[in-house]
């Protein structure tokens, strides 16, 4: 895994996506846009109807965290990674560059 400069943590639920900080405090609640369903269909493991993701958009990497798994998570399957990065680009990373 490459060194990560900025990691976003997203908790994906059926009806919403929570962007959280290191202590899992909610920073923003975003629309789900079928992300949960798409990730499950693409092979992402869900735990208690939630998918815990670490997103490094610059490196185009997404890892999923599961209980008793490694703290940095494991890579998502490619199709699921592409779906998360597409979602991230439209819903989370909404900064405008002049």
Protein backbone atom coordinates (compact mmCIF):
# COMPACT_ATOMS: atom_id res chain seq x y z
CA UNK A 1 0.00 0.00 0.00
CA UNK A 2 1.32 3.45 -0.86
CA UNK A 3 1.69 6.15 1.80
CA UNK A 4 -1.59 8.01 2.21
CA UNK A 5 -1.57 11.78 2.42
CA UNK A 6 -5.28 12.40 2.94
CA UNK A 7 -7.63 9.64 3.97
CA UNK A 8 -11.35 10.12 4.16
CA UNK A 9 -13.37 7.69 6.25
CA UNK A 10 -16.87 6.98 5.03
CA UNK A 11 -19.47 4.86 6.82
CA UNK A 12 -21.89 3.70 4.14
CA UNK A 13 -25.40 2.80 5.30
CA UNK A 14 -28.42 1.84 3.20
CA UNK A 15 -29.93 5.32 3.36
CA UNK A 16 -26.98 7.67 4.02
CA UNK A 17 -23.21 8.02 3.96
CA UNK A 18 -21.47 9.51 6.99
CA UNK A 19 -18.15 11.24 6.53
CA UNK A 20 -16.41 10.82 9.91
CA UNK A 21 -13.17 11.81 11.60
CA UNK A 22 -10.60 9.55 13.30
CA UNK A 23 -12.86 9.08 16.34
CA UNK A 24 -15.89 8.25 14.15
CA UNK A 25 -17.52 11.60 14.93
CA UNK A 26 -19.83 12.52 12.08
CA UNK A 27 -18.59 15.50 10.07
CA UNK A 28 -21.21 15.37 7.34
CA UNK A 29 -24.18 13.25 6.30
CA UNK A 30 -24.41 12.68 2.56
CA UNK A 31 -27.06 11.07 0.36
CA UNK A 32 -26.56 7.35 -0.21
CA UNK A 33 -27.35 7.37 -3.95
CA UNK A 34 -27.58 3.53 -3.98
CA UNK A 35 -23.90 3.33 -2.97
CA UNK A 36 -24.54 0.69 -0.29
CA UNK A 37 -26.42 -1.60 -2.69
CA UNK A 38 -23.84 -1.14 -5.43
CA UNK A 39 -20.97 -1.98 -3.07
CA UNK A 40 -22.64 -5.13 -1.75
CA UNK A 41 -23.35 -6.26 -5.31
CA UNK A 42 -19.70 -5.57 -6.20
CA UNK A 43 -18.47 -7.79 -3.35
CA UNK A 44 -17.79 -5.38 -0.49
CA UNK A 45 -18.28 -6.97 2.95
CA UNK A 46 -20.97 -5.34 5.06
CA UNK A 47 -21.08 -5.45 8.83
CA UNK A 48 -24.37 -4.71 10.61
CA UNK A 49 -25.77 -3.01 7.50
CA UNK A 50 -22.78 -0.65 7.30
CA UNK A 51 -19.63 -0.59 5.18
CA UNK A 52 -16.60 1.15 6.72
CA UNK A 53 -14.36 2.65 4.02
CA UNK A 54 -11.01 4.42 3.94
CA UNK A 55 -10.66 6.48 0.76
CA UNK A 56 -7.38 7.79 -0.63
CA UNK A 57 -8.69 9.62 -3.69
CA UNK A 58 -5.26 10.89 -4.78
CA UNK A 59 -3.87 7.34 -4.96
CA UNK A 60 -7.23 6.04 -6.26
CA UNK A 61 -7.36 3.44 -3.48
CA UNK A 62 -10.26 2.38 -1.29
CA UNK A 63 -9.94 -0.02 1.62
CA UNK A 64 -12.74 -1.60 3.62
CA UNK A 65 -12.45 -2.16 7.37
CA UNK A 66 -14.05 -5.10 9.11
CA UNK A 67 -14.06 -6.15 12.79
CA UNK A 68 -10.90 -8.08 13.72
CA UNK A 69 -9.34 -7.08 10.38
CA UNK A 70 -6.22 -4.98 9.85
CA UNK A 71 -6.61 -1.34 11.01
CA UNK A 72 -5.83 -0.06 7.51
CA UNK A 73 -8.46 -2.33 6.01
CA UNK A 74 -8.17 -4.46 2.90
CA UNK A 75 -8.49 -3.28 -0.70
CA UNK A 76 -11.96 -3.28 -2.21
CA UNK A 77 -12.53 -5.21 -5.44
CA UNK A 78 -11.81 -3.01 -8.51
CA UNK A 79 -15.47 -2.54 -9.49
CA UNK A 80 -16.38 -1.43 -5.99
CA UNK A 81 -13.35 0.88 -5.85
CA UNK A 82 -14.42 2.60 -9.07
CA UNK A 83 -17.95 3.08 -7.71
CA UNK A 84 -16.66 4.64 -4.47
CA UNK A 85 -14.26 6.95 -6.32
CA UNK A 86 -17.07 8.10 -8.64
CA UNK A 87 -19.29 8.77 -5.61
CA UNK A 88 -16.45 10.53 -3.81
CA UNK A 89 -15.83 12.82 -6.77
CA UNK A 90 -19.44 13.97 -6.95
CA UNK A 91 -20.53 13.97 -3.29
CA UNK A 92 -17.50 14.41 -1.03
CA UNK A 93 -14.78 16.23 -2.96
CA UNK A 94 -16.83 19.19 -4.10
CA UNK A 95 -14.13 21.87 -3.89
CA UNK A 96 -14.04 24.20 -6.86
CA UNK A 97 -10.65 25.07 -8.29
CA UNK A 98 -10.38 28.64 -9.64
